[in-house]
C-alpha cells in the first residue's frame, strides 16, 4: 500500500518521502473508495492497534483493488 504510494510520489513529484508521507499524499489523489484502506495502512505504519476493518477478507479485497488501481496509473 504505502510502498506503491511512495513509488507514485517519486515518479510524479521527482522527490523521495517516507512511506507515511506518501500515503497521506496519495489520499488526496485517488478515488474516495480507497480512503478506508489507505487509512488502515497509515494506522498500521503508526503502530496503532484499532483496525478500521472487522474482516481480514474485506481488507485483503480492498488492498488488491487499490494495488490494481495504482498499477494502472503507473502503467
Protein backbone atom coordinates (compact mmCIF):
# COMPACT_ATOMS: atom_id res chain seq x y z
CA UNK A 1 0.00 0.00 0.00
CA UNK A 2 2.46 2.62 1.14
CA UNK A 3 5.33 1.29 -0.95
CA UNK A 4 3.45 1.73 -4.21
CA UNK A 5 2.25 5.14 -2.99
CA UNK A 6 5.87 6.09 -2.43
CA UNK A 7 6.81 4.95 -5.95
CA UNK A 8 3.97 7.05 -7.38
CA UNK A 9 5.10 10.09 -5.40
CA UNK A 10 8.68 9.68 -6.58
CA UNK A 11 7.64 9.30 -10.23
CA UNK A 12 5.32 12.29 -10.28
CA UNK A 13 6.97 14.67 -7.83
CA UNK A 14 10.62 13.80 -8.52
CA UNK A 15 11.43 13.52 -4.83
CA UNK A 16 11.55 10.85 -2.13
CA UNK A 17 9.45 10.96 1.02
CA UNK A 18 8.67 8.48 3.77
CA UNK A 19 6.07 5.80 3.14
CA UNK A 20 3.83 7.51 5.68
CA UNK A 21 4.07 10.89 3.92
CA UNK A 22 3.45 9.22 0.55
CA UNK A 23 0.32 7.58 1.97
CA UNK A 24 -1.02 10.94 3.14
CA UNK A 25 -0.15 12.45 -0.26
CA UNK A 26 -1.95 9.74 -2.23
CA UNK A 27 -5.13 10.04 -0.12
CA UNK A 28 -5.96 13.27 -1.98
CA UNK A 29 -5.20 11.82 -5.41
CA UNK A 30 -7.21 8.61 -5.60
CA UNK A 31 -10.97 7.99 -5.55
CA UNK A 32 -12.64 8.17 -2.11
CA UNK A 33 -13.30 4.42 -2.33
CA UNK A 34 -9.68 3.87 -1.25
CA UNK A 35 -9.76 6.14 1.80
CA UNK A 36 -10.50 3.34 4.27
CA UNK A 37 -7.70 1.03 3.10
CA UNK A 38 -5.20 3.88 2.96
CA UNK A 39 -6.11 4.96 6.47
CA UNK A 40 -5.68 1.35 7.53
CA UNK A 41 -2.18 1.27 6.05
CA UNK A 42 -1.31 4.55 7.78
CA UNK A 43 -2.71 3.18 11.04
CA UNK A 44 -0.52 0.10 10.79
CA UNK A 45 2.52 2.23 9.94
CA UNK A 46 1.92 4.36 13.04
CA UNK A 47 1.61 1.23 15.17
CA UNK A 48 -1.96 1.87 16.27
CA UNK A 49 -3.90 -1.22 17.31
CA UNK A 50 -7.56 -0.50 16.44
CA UNK A 51 -8.31 -1.63 12.87
CA UNK A 52 -10.78 0.07 10.55
CA UNK A 53 -11.76 -3.42 9.34
CA UNK A 54 -13.69 -6.15 11.09
CA UNK A 55 -12.95 -8.62 8.27
CA UNK A 56 -9.48 -9.57 7.08
CA UNK A 57 -11.06 -10.74 3.82
CA UNK A 58 -12.55 -7.29 3.14
CA UNK A 59 -9.19 -5.68 3.97
CA UNK A 60 -7.48 -8.04 1.54
CA UNK A 61 -10.05 -7.29 -1.17
CA UNK A 62 -9.60 -3.53 -0.71
CA UNK A 63 -5.82 -3.88 -0.74
CA UNK A 64 -5.85 -5.79 -4.03
CA UNK A 65 -8.29 -3.30 -5.55
CA UNK A 66 -6.04 -0.39 -4.58
CA UNK A 67 -2.94 -2.13 -5.94
CA UNK A 68 -4.65 -2.82 -9.28
CA UNK A 69 -5.74 0.81 -9.48
CA UNK A 70 -2.25 2.12 -8.73
CA UNK A 71 -0.57 -0.24 -11.20
CA UNK A 72 -2.98 1.08 -13.83
CA UNK A 73 -1.87 4.65 -13.07
CA UNK A 74 1.81 3.79 -13.32
CA UNK A 75 1.49 1.68 -16.48
